[in-house]
N, C-alpha and C. Protein backbone atom coordinates (compact mmCIF):
# COMPACT_ATOMS: atom_id res chain seq x y z
N UNK A 1 -20.39 4.87 -26.09
CA UNK A 1 -19.04 4.61 -25.62
C UNK A 1 -18.07 5.56 -26.31
N UNK A 2 -17.07 6.00 -25.56
CA UNK A 2 -16.08 6.89 -26.14
C UNK A 2 -15.23 6.18 -27.18
N UNK A 3 -14.59 6.96 -28.02
CA UNK A 3 -13.72 6.41 -29.05
C UNK A 3 -12.37 6.03 -28.45
N UNK A 4 -11.72 5.08 -29.09
CA UNK A 4 -10.40 4.63 -28.66
C UNK A 4 -9.41 4.85 -29.80
N UNK A 5 -8.28 5.43 -29.44
CA UNK A 5 -7.23 5.73 -30.41
C UNK A 5 -5.94 5.05 -29.98
N UNK A 6 -5.30 4.41 -30.94
CA UNK A 6 -4.02 3.77 -30.67
C UNK A 6 -2.93 4.83 -30.63
N UNK A 7 -2.05 4.66 -29.70
CA UNK A 7 -0.95 5.60 -29.47
C UNK A 7 -0.18 5.90 -30.75
N UNK A 8 0.08 4.86 -31.52
CA UNK A 8 0.92 5.02 -32.71
C UNK A 8 0.18 5.62 -33.90
N UNK A 9 -1.13 5.76 -33.81
CA UNK A 9 -1.90 6.32 -34.92
C UNK A 9 -2.31 7.76 -34.61
N UNK A 10 -1.30 8.58 -34.41
CA UNK A 10 -1.52 9.96 -33.99
C UNK A 10 -2.34 10.77 -34.99
N UNK A 11 -2.23 10.44 -36.27
CA UNK A 11 -2.97 11.19 -37.29
C UNK A 11 -4.49 11.01 -37.17
N UNK A 12 -4.94 9.98 -36.49
CA UNK A 12 -6.37 9.74 -36.32
C UNK A 12 -6.96 10.47 -35.12
N UNK A 13 -6.10 11.03 -34.28
CA UNK A 13 -6.56 11.68 -33.05
C UNK A 13 -6.99 13.11 -33.35
N UNK A 14 -8.24 13.45 -32.97
CA UNK A 14 -8.70 14.83 -33.19
C UNK A 14 -7.85 15.84 -32.41
N UNK A 15 -7.69 17.02 -32.96
CA UNK A 15 -6.89 18.07 -32.33
C UNK A 15 -7.69 18.69 -31.17
N UNK A 16 -7.70 17.97 -30.05
CA UNK A 16 -8.36 18.43 -28.82
C UNK A 16 -7.34 18.35 -27.70
N UNK A 17 -7.70 18.89 -26.57
CA UNK A 17 -6.82 18.82 -25.41
C UNK A 17 -6.65 17.37 -24.97
N UNK A 18 -5.40 17.01 -24.71
CA UNK A 18 -5.07 15.67 -24.24
C UNK A 18 -4.81 15.74 -22.75
N UNK A 19 -5.59 14.99 -21.99
CA UNK A 19 -5.44 14.93 -20.54
C UNK A 19 -4.60 13.70 -20.19
N UNK A 20 -3.45 13.93 -19.56
CA UNK A 20 -2.52 12.84 -19.26
C UNK A 20 -2.78 12.28 -17.86
N UNK A 21 -2.97 10.97 -17.81
CA UNK A 21 -3.20 10.26 -16.56
C UNK A 21 -1.87 10.06 -15.83
N UNK A 22 -1.98 9.77 -14.55
CA UNK A 22 -0.82 9.59 -13.68
C UNK A 22 0.17 8.57 -14.24
N UNK A 23 -0.33 7.39 -14.61
CA UNK A 23 0.59 6.33 -15.03
C UNK A 23 1.43 6.75 -16.23
N UNK A 24 0.83 7.45 -17.17
CA UNK A 24 1.56 7.87 -18.37
C UNK A 24 2.62 8.92 -18.01
N UNK A 25 2.27 9.87 -17.17
CA UNK A 25 3.26 10.88 -16.78
C UNK A 25 4.41 10.25 -16.01
N UNK A 26 4.11 9.25 -15.22
CA UNK A 26 5.19 8.55 -14.51
C UNK A 26 6.08 7.79 -15.48
N UNK A 27 5.51 7.15 -16.50
CA UNK A 27 6.31 6.46 -17.51
C UNK A 27 7.26 7.44 -18.21
N UNK A 28 6.74 8.63 -18.51
CA UNK A 28 7.51 9.61 -19.28
C UNK A 28 8.56 10.30 -18.43
N UNK A 29 8.16 10.82 -17.26
CA UNK A 29 9.04 11.69 -16.50
C UNK A 29 9.80 11.00 -15.36
N UNK A 30 9.44 9.77 -15.06
CA UNK A 30 10.15 8.99 -14.05
C UNK A 30 10.43 7.60 -14.61
N UNK A 31 11.14 7.51 -15.74
CA UNK A 31 11.33 6.23 -16.42
C UNK A 31 12.08 5.20 -15.58
N UNK A 32 12.84 5.65 -14.60
CA UNK A 32 13.56 4.70 -13.75
C UNK A 32 12.62 3.80 -12.95
N UNK A 33 11.35 4.21 -12.82
CA UNK A 33 10.37 3.41 -12.08
C UNK A 33 9.64 2.42 -12.97
N UNK A 34 9.79 2.55 -14.25
CA UNK A 34 9.00 1.73 -15.16
C UNK A 34 9.84 0.63 -15.80
N UNK A 35 9.38 -0.59 -15.61
CA UNK A 35 10.04 -1.73 -16.24
C UNK A 35 9.20 -2.24 -17.41
N UNK A 36 8.14 -1.51 -17.71
CA UNK A 36 7.20 -1.95 -18.74
C UNK A 36 7.70 -1.56 -20.13
N UNK A 37 7.61 -2.48 -21.09
CA UNK A 37 8.12 -2.19 -22.43
C UNK A 37 7.34 -1.09 -23.15
N UNK A 38 6.09 -0.88 -22.80
CA UNK A 38 5.28 0.11 -23.50
C UNK A 38 5.54 1.54 -23.04
N UNK A 39 6.27 1.72 -21.94
CA UNK A 39 6.43 3.07 -21.40
C UNK A 39 7.17 4.01 -22.34
N UNK A 40 8.11 3.50 -23.12
CA UNK A 40 8.86 4.36 -24.06
C UNK A 40 7.96 4.95 -25.14
N UNK A 41 6.94 4.21 -25.52
CA UNK A 41 6.01 4.69 -26.54
C UNK A 41 5.32 5.98 -26.13
N UNK A 42 5.05 6.12 -24.84
CA UNK A 42 4.39 7.33 -24.36
C UNK A 42 5.31 8.55 -24.44
N UNK A 43 6.60 8.36 -24.22
CA UNK A 43 7.54 9.47 -24.37
C UNK A 43 7.57 9.95 -25.81
N UNK A 44 7.63 9.03 -26.72
CA UNK A 44 7.62 9.36 -28.14
C UNK A 44 6.31 10.06 -28.51
N UNK A 45 5.21 9.55 -28.00
CA UNK A 45 3.90 10.13 -28.26
C UNK A 45 3.85 11.59 -27.78
N UNK A 46 4.36 11.84 -26.58
CA UNK A 46 4.37 13.21 -26.06
C UNK A 46 5.14 14.14 -26.98
N UNK A 47 6.30 13.73 -27.44
CA UNK A 47 7.09 14.56 -28.35
C UNK A 47 6.31 14.87 -29.63
N UNK A 48 5.63 13.86 -30.16
CA UNK A 48 4.87 14.05 -31.39
C UNK A 48 3.70 15.00 -31.20
N UNK A 49 2.95 14.84 -30.12
CA UNK A 49 1.78 15.71 -29.94
C UNK A 49 2.19 17.14 -29.62
N UNK A 50 3.35 17.30 -29.01
CA UNK A 50 3.83 18.66 -28.74
C UNK A 50 4.20 19.36 -30.05
N UNK A 51 4.81 18.64 -30.98
CA UNK A 51 5.16 19.27 -32.25
C UNK A 51 3.91 19.54 -33.10
N UNK A 52 2.85 18.81 -32.85
CA UNK A 52 1.61 19.01 -33.59
C UNK A 52 0.66 19.98 -32.91
N UNK A 53 1.11 20.61 -31.86
CA UNK A 53 0.39 21.70 -31.20
C UNK A 53 -0.88 21.26 -30.46
N UNK A 54 -0.92 20.01 -30.01
CA UNK A 54 -2.01 19.61 -29.13
C UNK A 54 -1.85 20.35 -27.81
N UNK A 55 -2.95 20.70 -27.18
CA UNK A 55 -2.90 21.23 -25.82
C UNK A 55 -2.80 20.04 -24.88
N UNK A 56 -1.99 20.20 -23.84
CA UNK A 56 -1.76 19.14 -22.86
C UNK A 56 -2.33 19.58 -21.52
N UNK A 57 -2.94 18.64 -20.81
CA UNK A 57 -3.56 19.00 -19.54
C UNK A 57 -3.41 17.90 -18.50
N UNK A 58 -3.56 18.30 -17.25
CA UNK A 58 -3.61 17.43 -16.10
C UNK A 58 -4.38 18.17 -15.02
N UNK A 59 -4.50 17.57 -13.85
CA UNK A 59 -5.14 18.26 -12.74
C UNK A 59 -4.38 17.98 -11.45
N UNK A 60 -4.84 18.57 -10.37
CA UNK A 60 -4.18 18.42 -9.08
C UNK A 60 -4.24 16.98 -8.59
N UNK A 61 -5.29 16.24 -8.97
CA UNK A 61 -5.41 14.84 -8.58
C UNK A 61 -4.26 14.04 -9.16
N UNK A 62 -3.94 14.26 -10.41
CA UNK A 62 -2.84 13.57 -11.08
C UNK A 62 -1.52 13.92 -10.40
N UNK A 63 -1.30 15.19 -10.11
CA UNK A 63 -0.06 15.59 -9.44
C UNK A 63 0.06 14.93 -8.07
N UNK A 64 -1.03 14.91 -7.34
CA UNK A 64 -1.04 14.26 -6.02
C UNK A 64 -0.72 12.77 -6.14
N UNK A 65 -1.32 12.11 -7.11
CA UNK A 65 -1.05 10.68 -7.30
C UNK A 65 0.40 10.44 -7.68
N UNK A 66 0.98 11.30 -8.50
CA UNK A 66 2.39 11.14 -8.88
C UNK A 66 3.27 11.24 -7.64
N UNK A 67 3.08 12.29 -6.86
CA UNK A 67 3.91 12.50 -5.67
C UNK A 67 3.75 11.34 -4.69
N UNK A 68 2.52 11.00 -4.37
CA UNK A 68 2.29 9.95 -3.38
C UNK A 68 2.74 8.58 -3.85
N UNK A 69 2.52 8.26 -5.11
CA UNK A 69 2.92 6.95 -5.62
C UNK A 69 4.44 6.81 -5.64
N UNK A 70 5.13 7.81 -6.12
CA UNK A 70 6.59 7.73 -6.18
C UNK A 70 7.19 7.69 -4.78
N UNK A 71 6.64 8.48 -3.88
CA UNK A 71 7.14 8.45 -2.50
C UNK A 71 6.91 7.07 -1.88
N UNK A 72 5.78 6.46 -2.13
CA UNK A 72 5.49 5.11 -1.59
C UNK A 72 6.43 4.06 -2.20
N UNK A 73 6.68 4.18 -3.49
CA UNK A 73 7.61 3.25 -4.15
C UNK A 73 9.00 3.39 -3.54
N UNK A 74 9.46 4.62 -3.39
CA UNK A 74 10.79 4.85 -2.84
C UNK A 74 10.88 4.37 -1.39
N UNK A 75 9.82 4.59 -0.62
CA UNK A 75 9.78 4.12 0.77
C UNK A 75 9.89 2.60 0.80
N UNK A 76 9.15 1.91 -0.06
CA UNK A 76 9.21 0.44 -0.11
C UNK A 76 10.62 -0.03 -0.46
N UNK A 77 11.24 0.63 -1.44
CA UNK A 77 12.60 0.25 -1.84
C UNK A 77 13.59 0.51 -0.70
N UNK A 78 13.39 1.61 0.01
CA UNK A 78 14.24 1.96 1.14
C UNK A 78 14.12 0.90 2.23
N UNK A 79 12.90 0.48 2.53
CA UNK A 79 12.67 -0.55 3.55
C UNK A 79 13.27 -1.89 3.11
N UNK A 80 13.06 -2.26 1.84
CA UNK A 80 13.56 -3.54 1.33
C UNK A 80 15.08 -3.59 1.28
N UNK A 81 15.72 -2.44 1.17
CA UNK A 81 17.18 -2.40 1.09
C UNK A 81 17.83 -2.69 2.44
N UNK A 82 17.03 -2.70 3.50
CA UNK A 82 17.56 -2.94 4.84
C UNK A 82 18.16 -1.70 5.47
N UNK A 83 17.93 -0.54 4.86
CA UNK A 83 18.49 0.71 5.36
C UNK A 83 17.68 1.32 6.50
N UNK A 84 16.53 0.71 6.81
CA UNK A 84 15.66 1.29 7.83
C UNK A 84 15.28 0.22 8.85
N UNK A 85 15.06 0.63 10.10
CA UNK A 85 14.60 -0.33 11.10
C UNK A 85 13.21 -0.86 10.74
N UNK A 86 12.83 -2.00 11.28
CA UNK A 86 11.55 -2.63 10.97
C UNK A 86 10.35 -1.72 11.24
N UNK A 87 10.42 -0.93 12.26
CA UNK A 87 9.28 -0.07 12.63
C UNK A 87 9.35 1.32 12.00
N UNK A 88 10.15 1.47 10.96
CA UNK A 88 10.33 2.77 10.30
C UNK A 88 9.10 3.05 9.43
N UNK A 89 8.30 4.02 9.84
CA UNK A 89 7.03 4.31 9.16
C UNK A 89 7.23 5.19 7.93
N UNK A 90 6.19 5.24 7.13
CA UNK A 90 6.23 6.12 5.95
C UNK A 90 6.42 7.58 6.37
N UNK A 91 5.76 7.98 7.46
CA UNK A 91 5.92 9.36 7.95
C UNK A 91 7.37 9.62 8.37
N UNK A 92 7.99 8.62 9.00
CA UNK A 92 9.41 8.77 9.35
C UNK A 92 10.26 8.90 8.10
N UNK A 93 9.93 8.11 7.08
CA UNK A 93 10.67 8.19 5.82
C UNK A 93 10.54 9.58 5.20
N UNK A 94 9.31 10.10 5.13
CA UNK A 94 9.11 11.44 4.55
C UNK A 94 9.93 12.50 5.27
N UNK A 95 10.08 12.34 6.60
CA UNK A 95 10.83 13.32 7.39
C UNK A 95 12.34 13.10 7.33
N UNK A 96 12.76 11.95 6.80
CA UNK A 96 14.20 11.63 6.74
C UNK A 96 14.88 12.42 5.63
N UNK A 97 16.20 12.46 5.68
CA UNK A 97 16.94 13.18 4.64
C UNK A 97 16.72 12.54 3.27
N UNK A 98 16.66 11.19 3.18
CA UNK A 98 16.41 10.55 1.89
C UNK A 98 15.00 10.86 1.39
N UNK A 99 14.02 10.83 2.30
CA UNK A 99 12.65 11.15 1.91
C UNK A 99 12.53 12.58 1.40
N UNK A 100 13.14 13.49 2.10
CA UNK A 100 13.11 14.91 1.68
C UNK A 100 13.83 15.11 0.35
N UNK A 101 14.93 14.40 0.17
CA UNK A 101 15.67 14.49 -1.09
C UNK A 101 14.82 13.95 -2.25
N UNK A 102 14.15 12.84 -2.04
CA UNK A 102 13.30 12.25 -3.07
C UNK A 102 12.14 13.18 -3.39
N UNK A 103 11.50 13.72 -2.36
CA UNK A 103 10.39 14.65 -2.57
C UNK A 103 10.85 15.89 -3.33
N UNK A 104 12.02 16.39 -3.00
CA UNK A 104 12.57 17.54 -3.71
C UNK A 104 12.79 17.22 -5.19
N UNK A 105 13.27 16.01 -5.48
CA UNK A 105 13.46 15.58 -6.88
C UNK A 105 12.12 15.53 -7.61
N UNK A 106 11.11 14.96 -6.99
CA UNK A 106 9.78 14.87 -7.59
C UNK A 106 9.25 16.27 -7.89
N UNK A 107 9.35 17.15 -6.90
CA UNK A 107 8.88 18.53 -7.08
C UNK A 107 9.62 19.21 -8.23
N UNK A 108 10.92 18.99 -8.32
CA UNK A 108 11.72 19.59 -9.38
C UNK A 108 11.26 19.14 -10.76
N UNK A 109 10.99 17.83 -10.91
CA UNK A 109 10.52 17.32 -12.19
C UNK A 109 9.17 17.95 -12.54
N UNK A 110 8.28 18.04 -11.57
CA UNK A 110 6.97 18.63 -11.82
C UNK A 110 7.11 20.10 -12.22
N UNK A 111 7.91 20.84 -11.47
CA UNK A 111 8.05 22.28 -11.72
C UNK A 111 8.78 22.60 -13.03
N UNK A 112 9.80 21.81 -13.37
CA UNK A 112 10.64 22.14 -14.53
C UNK A 112 10.28 21.41 -15.81
N UNK A 113 9.76 20.18 -15.69
CA UNK A 113 9.54 19.39 -16.88
C UNK A 113 8.07 19.17 -17.23
N UNK A 114 7.19 19.29 -16.25
CA UNK A 114 5.77 19.02 -16.52
C UNK A 114 4.96 20.30 -16.60
N UNK A 115 4.95 21.08 -15.53
CA UNK A 115 4.07 22.27 -15.49
C UNK A 115 4.30 23.28 -16.61
N UNK A 116 5.52 23.47 -17.10
CA UNK A 116 5.68 24.44 -18.19
C UNK A 116 4.92 24.08 -19.47
N UNK A 117 4.56 22.81 -19.64
CA UNK A 117 3.95 22.35 -20.88
C UNK A 117 2.49 21.92 -20.74
N UNK A 118 2.02 21.81 -19.50
CA UNK A 118 0.68 21.30 -19.25
C UNK A 118 -0.20 22.36 -18.60
N UNK A 119 -1.41 22.45 -19.10
CA UNK A 119 -2.41 23.29 -18.47
C UNK A 119 -2.98 22.50 -17.29
N UNK A 120 -3.27 23.20 -16.19
CA UNK A 120 -3.87 22.55 -15.03
C UNK A 120 -5.36 22.85 -15.06
N UNK A 121 -6.16 21.80 -15.23
CA UNK A 121 -7.61 21.94 -15.29
C UNK A 121 -8.20 21.70 -13.91
N UNK A 122 -9.40 22.23 -13.71
CA UNK A 122 -10.10 21.94 -12.47
C UNK A 122 -11.59 21.83 -12.75
N UNK A 123 -12.30 21.42 -11.74
CA UNK A 123 -13.74 21.26 -11.85
C UNK A 123 -14.33 21.52 -10.47
N UNK A 124 -15.42 22.20 -10.45
CA UNK A 124 -16.14 22.45 -9.20
C UNK A 124 -17.19 21.37 -9.04
N UNK A 125 -17.11 20.60 -7.96
CA UNK A 125 -18.07 19.54 -7.73
C UNK A 125 -19.13 19.99 -6.73
N UNK A 126 -20.37 19.70 -7.05
CA UNK A 126 -21.47 19.95 -6.11
C UNK A 126 -21.67 18.68 -5.27
N UNK A 127 -22.50 18.78 -4.25
CA UNK A 127 -22.81 17.58 -3.46
C UNK A 127 -23.46 16.52 -4.34
N UNK A 128 -24.29 16.96 -5.26
CA UNK A 128 -24.94 16.01 -6.18
C UNK A 128 -23.91 15.29 -7.04
N UNK A 129 -22.91 16.03 -7.52
CA UNK A 129 -21.84 15.42 -8.31
C UNK A 129 -21.09 14.37 -7.49
N UNK A 130 -20.82 14.70 -6.25
CA UNK A 130 -20.08 13.78 -5.39
C UNK A 130 -20.90 12.52 -5.12
N UNK A 131 -22.21 12.68 -4.94
CA UNK A 131 -23.07 11.51 -4.77
C UNK A 131 -22.95 10.56 -5.97
N UNK A 132 -22.86 11.14 -7.17
CA UNK A 132 -22.71 10.31 -8.38
C UNK A 132 -21.36 9.60 -8.42
N UNK A 133 -20.34 10.20 -7.82
CA UNK A 133 -19.01 9.59 -7.80
C UNK A 133 -18.92 8.48 -6.75
N UNK A 134 -19.75 8.58 -5.72
CA UNK A 134 -19.70 7.62 -4.62
C UNK A 134 -20.57 6.40 -4.91
N UNK A 135 -20.26 5.76 -6.01
CA UNK A 135 -20.93 4.54 -6.42
C UNK A 135 -19.88 3.44 -6.43
N UNK A 136 -20.19 2.32 -5.87
CA UNK A 136 -19.24 1.21 -5.85
C UNK A 136 -19.25 0.51 -7.20
N UNK A 137 -18.11 0.59 -7.88
CA UNK A 137 -17.95 -0.06 -9.18
C UNK A 137 -16.47 -0.34 -9.39
N UNK A 138 -16.06 -0.59 -10.60
CA UNK A 138 -14.67 -0.99 -10.87
C UNK A 138 -13.72 0.20 -11.03
N UNK A 139 -14.21 1.41 -10.91
CA UNK A 139 -13.38 2.59 -11.13
C UNK A 139 -13.15 3.30 -9.79
N UNK A 140 -11.88 3.61 -9.49
CA UNK A 140 -11.62 4.26 -8.21
C UNK A 140 -12.03 5.73 -8.25
N UNK A 141 -12.09 6.32 -7.09
CA UNK A 141 -12.61 7.68 -6.94
C UNK A 141 -11.82 8.69 -7.77
N UNK A 142 -10.49 8.62 -7.72
CA UNK A 142 -9.68 9.56 -8.49
C UNK A 142 -9.90 9.41 -9.99
N UNK A 143 -10.06 8.18 -10.46
CA UNK A 143 -10.33 7.96 -11.88
C UNK A 143 -11.68 8.56 -12.27
N UNK A 144 -12.65 8.52 -11.36
CA UNK A 144 -13.95 9.14 -11.64
C UNK A 144 -13.81 10.66 -11.75
N UNK A 145 -12.94 11.23 -10.93
CA UNK A 145 -12.68 12.67 -11.02
C UNK A 145 -12.06 13.00 -12.38
N UNK A 146 -11.08 12.21 -12.78
CA UNK A 146 -10.41 12.42 -14.07
C UNK A 146 -11.40 12.30 -15.22
N UNK A 147 -12.26 11.29 -15.19
CA UNK A 147 -13.27 11.13 -16.24
C UNK A 147 -14.21 12.33 -16.27
N UNK A 148 -14.60 12.83 -15.12
CA UNK A 148 -15.47 14.01 -15.06
C UNK A 148 -14.79 15.23 -15.67
N UNK A 149 -13.51 15.40 -15.37
CA UNK A 149 -12.75 16.51 -15.95
C UNK A 149 -12.67 16.40 -17.47
N UNK A 150 -12.42 15.19 -17.94
CA UNK A 150 -12.33 14.99 -19.40
C UNK A 150 -13.66 15.31 -20.06
N UNK A 151 -14.76 14.91 -19.44
CA UNK A 151 -16.07 15.23 -20.02
C UNK A 151 -16.32 16.74 -20.00
N UNK A 152 -16.08 17.37 -18.88
CA UNK A 152 -16.35 18.81 -18.74
C UNK A 152 -15.53 19.64 -19.73
N UNK A 153 -14.27 19.28 -19.90
CA UNK A 153 -13.37 20.08 -20.74
C UNK A 153 -13.18 19.49 -22.13
N UNK A 154 -13.95 18.47 -22.49
CA UNK A 154 -13.89 17.81 -23.80
C UNK A 154 -12.47 17.36 -24.14
N UNK A 155 -11.83 16.71 -23.17
CA UNK A 155 -10.47 16.21 -23.35
C UNK A 155 -10.48 14.75 -23.79
N UNK A 156 -9.39 14.37 -24.40
CA UNK A 156 -9.12 12.96 -24.69
C UNK A 156 -8.13 12.50 -23.63
N UNK A 157 -8.45 11.41 -22.96
CA UNK A 157 -7.59 10.90 -21.90
C UNK A 157 -6.47 10.05 -22.49
N UNK A 158 -5.24 10.33 -22.07
CA UNK A 158 -4.08 9.52 -22.44
C UNK A 158 -3.74 8.68 -21.21
N UNK A 159 -3.99 7.38 -21.32
CA UNK A 159 -3.80 6.49 -20.16
C UNK A 159 -3.41 5.10 -20.61
N UNK A 160 -2.86 4.36 -19.67
CA UNK A 160 -2.59 2.95 -19.88
C UNK A 160 -3.42 2.11 -18.91
N UNK A 161 -4.26 2.76 -18.15
CA UNK A 161 -5.05 2.15 -17.08
C UNK A 161 -6.31 1.49 -17.64
N UNK A 162 -6.33 0.16 -17.62
CA UNK A 162 -7.47 -0.56 -18.19
C UNK A 162 -8.76 -0.35 -17.40
N UNK A 163 -8.67 0.22 -16.20
CA UNK A 163 -9.89 0.52 -15.43
C UNK A 163 -10.80 1.49 -16.17
N UNK A 164 -10.24 2.25 -17.10
CA UNK A 164 -11.03 3.21 -17.86
C UNK A 164 -11.78 2.56 -19.03
N UNK A 165 -11.63 1.27 -19.22
CA UNK A 165 -12.23 0.59 -20.37
C UNK A 165 -13.73 0.81 -20.47
N UNK A 166 -14.42 0.84 -19.36
CA UNK A 166 -15.88 0.98 -19.39
C UNK A 166 -16.35 2.43 -19.29
N UNK A 167 -15.42 3.37 -19.26
CA UNK A 167 -15.78 4.78 -19.10
C UNK A 167 -16.07 5.41 -20.46
N UNK A 168 -17.14 6.16 -20.52
CA UNK A 168 -17.60 6.76 -21.77
C UNK A 168 -16.88 8.09 -22.04
N UNK A 169 -15.58 7.99 -22.34
CA UNK A 169 -14.77 9.14 -22.76
C UNK A 169 -13.83 8.66 -23.85
N UNK A 170 -13.31 9.61 -24.64
CA UNK A 170 -12.33 9.26 -25.67
C UNK A 170 -10.99 9.01 -24.99
N UNK A 171 -10.28 7.98 -25.48
CA UNK A 171 -9.03 7.55 -24.86
C UNK A 171 -7.97 7.27 -25.92
N UNK A 172 -6.73 7.66 -25.61
CA UNK A 172 -5.54 7.27 -26.38
C UNK A 172 -4.73 6.36 -25.49
N UNK A 173 -4.30 5.22 -26.03
CA UNK A 173 -3.56 4.27 -25.22
C UNK A 173 -2.77 3.29 -26.08
N UNK A 174 -1.79 2.66 -25.44
CA UNK A 174 -1.11 1.53 -26.08
C UNK A 174 -1.56 0.22 -25.45
N UNK A 175 -2.47 0.29 -24.49
CA UNK A 175 -2.96 -0.90 -23.80
C UNK A 175 -4.05 -1.56 -24.63
N UNK A 176 -3.80 -2.78 -25.12
CA UNK A 176 -4.81 -3.45 -25.96
C UNK A 176 -6.13 -3.68 -25.23
N UNK A 177 -6.10 -3.77 -23.92
CA UNK A 177 -7.35 -3.98 -23.16
C UNK A 177 -8.24 -2.74 -23.18
N UNK A 178 -7.66 -1.60 -23.50
CA UNK A 178 -8.45 -0.37 -23.63
C UNK A 178 -8.98 -0.19 -25.05
N UNK A 179 -8.48 -0.96 -25.97
CA UNK A 179 -8.91 -0.85 -27.37
C UNK A 179 -10.16 -1.67 -27.65
N UNK A 180 -10.54 -2.49 -26.70
CA UNK A 180 -11.74 -3.32 -26.85
C UNK A 180 -12.95 -2.51 -26.42
N UNK A 181 -13.83 -2.23 -27.34
CA UNK A 181 -15.02 -1.44 -26.99
C UNK A 181 -16.27 -2.28 -27.13
């Protein structure tokens, strides 16, 4: 089983590349979406690891999840506000001026605040690799991709997602459910 590191015990974390999961990046760079008390700890953690010269990483899967999740949240809020007709679809929202404005904001945050500091990692998957990912278990497909990237590039995953609890990779988190090994 991979090692688990508490967010606040930064001195115990080996100086390796830190791979940031979607939820953590959303807590840090889109704080208006987070009502969770632990989200501020991740912002502080990012500042500390940057001053200590840790390499920071993510992948295209994480960026896709950020964009799609935030757009879906904004669409739900738009629908709940009564600003849209009942049959107003997500595709209609994306094409609307508010949808385009929101997407432009998301892109701006990614381009100006995230990408300048994070390396973008990738992995080439073979058919055999994909067969191994297509197993029904408690971990979703994108999380399996992230775990594979962390293994390939010897990264430590920074996440709050308890779904990673059973995954054999090193993890940094403030989620107590991830600290149980």
